[in-house]
Amino acid sequence: TELVEEHDEIIIGPGTTAFLVGRILTGIDDRRFRIITNSLELAMEASAVTNIEAVVLGGEVHNRHSAGFADREDFFSSCHHNHKAIISTDGIDVQRGLTLFDPRFLGVLRKTIAVSREIIVAADSSKIGKVCFDRIADISALSMIVTDTGASGKFCRAVEAMGVTVVKV
């Protein structure tokens, strides 16, 4: 929550972990900011908080995730490129980068990264070393990885050598 600043515009990507981070952010009550998400559930929670403006990216609703997976071209083509993004991933590997199991979310994740000045990945240590079929981005595209204390020192040192901050919580 300390990463959220007054008037930030934060894109919360698809995925369970990103959703949970977004849910935590809805507890912030001392700063005004905007949450931009494709999660209907998160948008509804954020819209109930007076200091948060909620924006839904839209698209077709995927029942398992209750999230749209269209990349809403009009938003991404017309927005400024100064967002913070919080995304999650199915796999994160030093050589192969961020990967995803469900390709329907690939477009929205890539475009989210393209319009964001700060990309924060929230991934528990079980995702480290795992590689899935669809590649989202290189680790070097990231600003920060937030993970748990189970992340190996070797992984953390390799990522930090790429200029990416690792925070263990």
Protein backbone atom coordinates (compact mmCIF):
# COMPACT_ATOMS: atom_id res chain seq x y z
CA THR A 1 0.00 0.00 0.00
CA GLU A 2 2.94 2.36 0.56
CA LEU A 3 3.66 2.22 -3.19
CA VAL A 4 0.35 3.99 -3.94
CA GLU A 5 0.68 7.76 -4.18
CA GLU A 6 -1.88 10.54 -4.38
CA HIS A 7 -3.56 10.61 -7.82
CA ASP A 8 -1.90 7.40 -9.02
CA GLU A 9 -3.58 5.51 -11.82
CA ILE A 10 -3.04 1.83 -11.15
CA ILE A 11 -3.87 -0.87 -13.66
CA ILE A 12 -4.62 -4.13 -11.89
CA GLY A 13 -4.16 -6.99 -14.32
CA PRO A 14 -6.04 -10.27 -14.46
CA GLY A 15 -5.25 -13.13 -12.12
CA THR A 16 -6.00 -14.20 -8.59
CA THR A 17 -2.88 -12.70 -7.04
CA ALA A 18 -3.34 -9.32 -8.76
CA PHE A 19 -6.99 -9.34 -7.69
CA LEU A 20 -6.00 -9.92 -4.06
CA VAL A 21 -3.49 -7.06 -4.23
CA GLY A 22 -6.22 -4.83 -5.66
CA ARG A 23 -8.53 -5.85 -2.84
CA ILE A 24 -5.85 -4.81 -0.31
CA LEU A 25 -5.54 -1.44 -2.07
CA THR A 26 -9.24 -0.77 -1.54
CA GLY A 27 -8.40 -0.45 2.16
CA ILE A 28 -6.38 2.72 1.53
CA ASP A 29 -8.40 5.70 2.71
CA ASP A 30 -5.87 8.54 2.98
CA ARG A 31 -5.08 9.05 -0.73
CA ARG A 32 -7.16 9.59 -3.85
CA PHE A 33 -6.28 7.30 -6.75
CA ARG A 34 -7.77 5.36 -9.62
CA ILE A 35 -7.91 1.58 -10.09
CA ILE A 36 -8.22 0.46 -13.70
CA THR A 37 -9.07 -3.22 -13.98
CA ASN A 38 -10.76 -5.88 -16.04
CA SER A 39 -12.02 -7.57 -12.86
CA LEU A 40 -15.72 -6.91 -12.34
CA GLU A 41 -15.52 -7.96 -8.71
CA LEU A 42 -12.59 -5.64 -7.96
CA ALA A 43 -14.23 -2.75 -9.81
CA MET A 44 -17.37 -3.17 -7.69
CA GLU A 45 -15.34 -3.24 -4.45
CA ALA A 46 -13.24 -0.22 -5.46
CA SER A 47 -16.29 1.79 -6.56
CA ALA A 48 -17.69 1.54 -3.02
CA VAL A 49 -14.66 3.39 -1.61
CA THR A 50 -15.07 7.18 -1.77
CA ASN A 51 -11.42 8.06 -2.45
CA ILE A 52 -10.99 5.50 -5.26
CA GLU A 53 -12.25 5.92 -8.80
CA ALA A 54 -12.84 2.56 -10.49
CA VAL A 55 -12.50 2.09 -14.25
CA VAL A 56 -13.47 -1.20 -15.92
CA LEU A 57 -11.61 -2.15 -19.09
CA GLY A 58 -14.45 -4.37 -20.26
CA GLY A 59 -14.53 -7.13 -22.79
CA GLU A 60 -16.01 -10.59 -22.73
CA VAL A 61 -16.55 -11.93 -19.23
CA HIS A 62 -14.69 -15.13 -18.41
CA ASN A 63 -16.76 -16.95 -15.78
CA ARG A 64 -13.90 -18.61 -13.91
CA HIS A 65 -12.11 -15.31 -13.33
CA SER A 66 -15.12 -12.93 -13.59
CA ALA A 67 -12.84 -10.75 -15.70
CA GLY A 68 -12.97 -9.38 -19.20
CA PHE A 69 -10.17 -10.48 -21.48
CA ALA A 70 -10.54 -8.09 -24.41
CA ASP A 71 -7.73 -5.55 -24.51
CA ARG A 72 -10.10 -2.59 -25.01
CA GLU A 73 -8.09 -0.99 -27.79
CA ASP A 74 -9.69 2.42 -27.31
CA PHE A 75 -8.40 2.70 -23.73
CA PHE A 76 -4.88 1.56 -24.53
CA SER A 77 -4.55 3.66 -27.68
CA SER A 78 -5.82 6.89 -26.11
CA CYS A 79 -4.42 6.82 -22.58
CA HIS A 80 -1.25 8.48 -21.36
CA HIS A 81 1.67 6.18 -20.63
CA ASN A 82 2.17 7.00 -16.98
CA HIS A 83 0.35 4.23 -15.13
CA LYS A 84 1.53 1.92 -12.41
CA ALA A 85 0.66 -1.67 -13.22
CA ILE A 86 0.24 -4.53 -10.81
CA ILE A 87 0.12 -7.84 -12.61
CA SER A 88 0.46 -11.48 -11.72
CA THR A 89 1.79 -14.34 -13.77
CA ASP A 90 1.61 -18.12 -13.94
CA GLY A 91 5.36 -18.49 -14.34
CA ILE A 92 8.44 -16.35 -13.83
CA ASP A 93 11.85 -17.50 -14.98
CA VAL A 94 15.12 -15.55 -15.19
CA GLN A 95 15.80 -16.59 -18.80
CA ARG A 96 12.26 -16.95 -20.17
CA GLY A 97 10.62 -14.05 -18.32
CA LEU A 98 6.95 -13.86 -17.41
CA THR A 99 4.70 -16.55 -18.86
CA LEU A 100 1.01 -17.27 -18.84
CA PHE A 101 -1.12 -20.39 -19.10
CA ASP A 102 -4.34 -18.79 -20.43
CA PRO A 103 -3.63 -16.97 -23.73
CA ARG A 104 -6.87 -14.95 -23.58
CA PHE A 105 -5.25 -12.54 -21.10
CA LEU A 106 -2.00 -12.16 -23.06
CA GLY A 107 -3.08 -9.12 -25.10
CA VAL A 108 -4.34 -7.11 -22.14
CA LEU A 109 -1.21 -7.90 -20.12
CA ARG A 110 1.17 -6.88 -22.92
CA LYS A 111 -0.73 -3.64 -23.52
CA THR A 112 -0.84 -2.93 -19.79
CA ILE A 113 2.94 -3.19 -19.69
CA ALA A 114 3.25 -0.97 -22.78
CA VAL A 115 1.31 1.92 -21.18
CA SER A 116 2.87 1.71 -17.72
CA ARG A 117 5.89 3.52 -16.34
CA GLU A 118 6.15 1.17 -13.38
CA ILE A 119 5.40 -2.56 -13.64
CA ILE A 120 5.04 -4.48 -10.38
CA VAL A 121 4.63 -8.25 -10.50
CA ALA A 122 3.00 -9.94 -7.52
CA ALA A 123 3.93 -13.62 -7.62
CA ASP A 124 4.29 -16.15 -4.86
CA SER A 125 7.44 -18.26 -4.87
CA SER A 126 5.64 -21.27 -6.39
CA LYS A 127 5.63 -19.36 -9.72
CA ILE A 128 9.42 -18.92 -9.72
CA GLY A 129 11.18 -21.20 -12.18
CA LYS A 130 7.87 -22.20 -13.75
CA VAL A 131 7.48 -21.64 -17.49
CA CYS A 132 4.16 -21.67 -19.34
CA PHE A 133 3.50 -21.57 -23.08
CA ASP A 134 2.62 -17.90 -23.60
CA ARG A 135 5.34 -15.34 -22.95
CA ILE A 136 4.25 -11.95 -21.58
CA ALA A 137 7.55 -10.06 -21.22
CA ASP A 138 11.18 -10.20 -20.17
CA ILE A 139 11.98 -9.69 -16.51
CA SER A 140 13.99 -6.61 -17.52
CA ALA A 141 10.68 -4.89 -18.42
CA LEU A 142 9.70 -4.92 -14.75
CA SER A 143 10.27 -2.39 -11.99
CA MET A 144 9.63 -4.67 -9.04
CA ILE A 145 8.73 -8.22 -8.08
CA VAL A 146 6.84 -8.71 -4.83
CA THR A 147 7.00 -12.30 -3.64
CA ASP A 148 7.08 -14.33 -0.45
CA THR A 149 10.04 -15.40 1.67
CA GLY A 150 10.19 -18.75 -0.15
CA ALA A 151 11.87 -17.06 -3.15
CA SER A 152 15.43 -18.34 -3.48
CA GLY A 153 18.36 -16.01 -2.94
CA LYS A 154 19.79 -17.11 -6.29
CA PHE A 155 16.63 -16.00 -8.12
CA CYS A 156 16.48 -12.70 -6.24
CA ARG A 157 20.14 -11.87 -6.94
CA ALA A 158 19.76 -12.68 -10.65
CA VAL A 159 16.67 -10.46 -10.94
CA GLU A 160 18.28 -7.61 -9.00
CA ALA A 161 21.32 -7.84 -11.31
CA MET A 162 18.86 -7.02 -14.14
CA GLY A 163 17.91 -3.79 -12.33
CA VAL A 164 14.61 -5.08 -10.95
CA THR A 165 13.82 -4.61 -7.25
CA VAL A 166 12.71 -7.71 -5.34
CA VAL A 167 10.60 -7.32 -2.22
CA LYS A 168 9.86 -10.33 -0.02
CA VAL A 169 6.79 -10.13 2.20
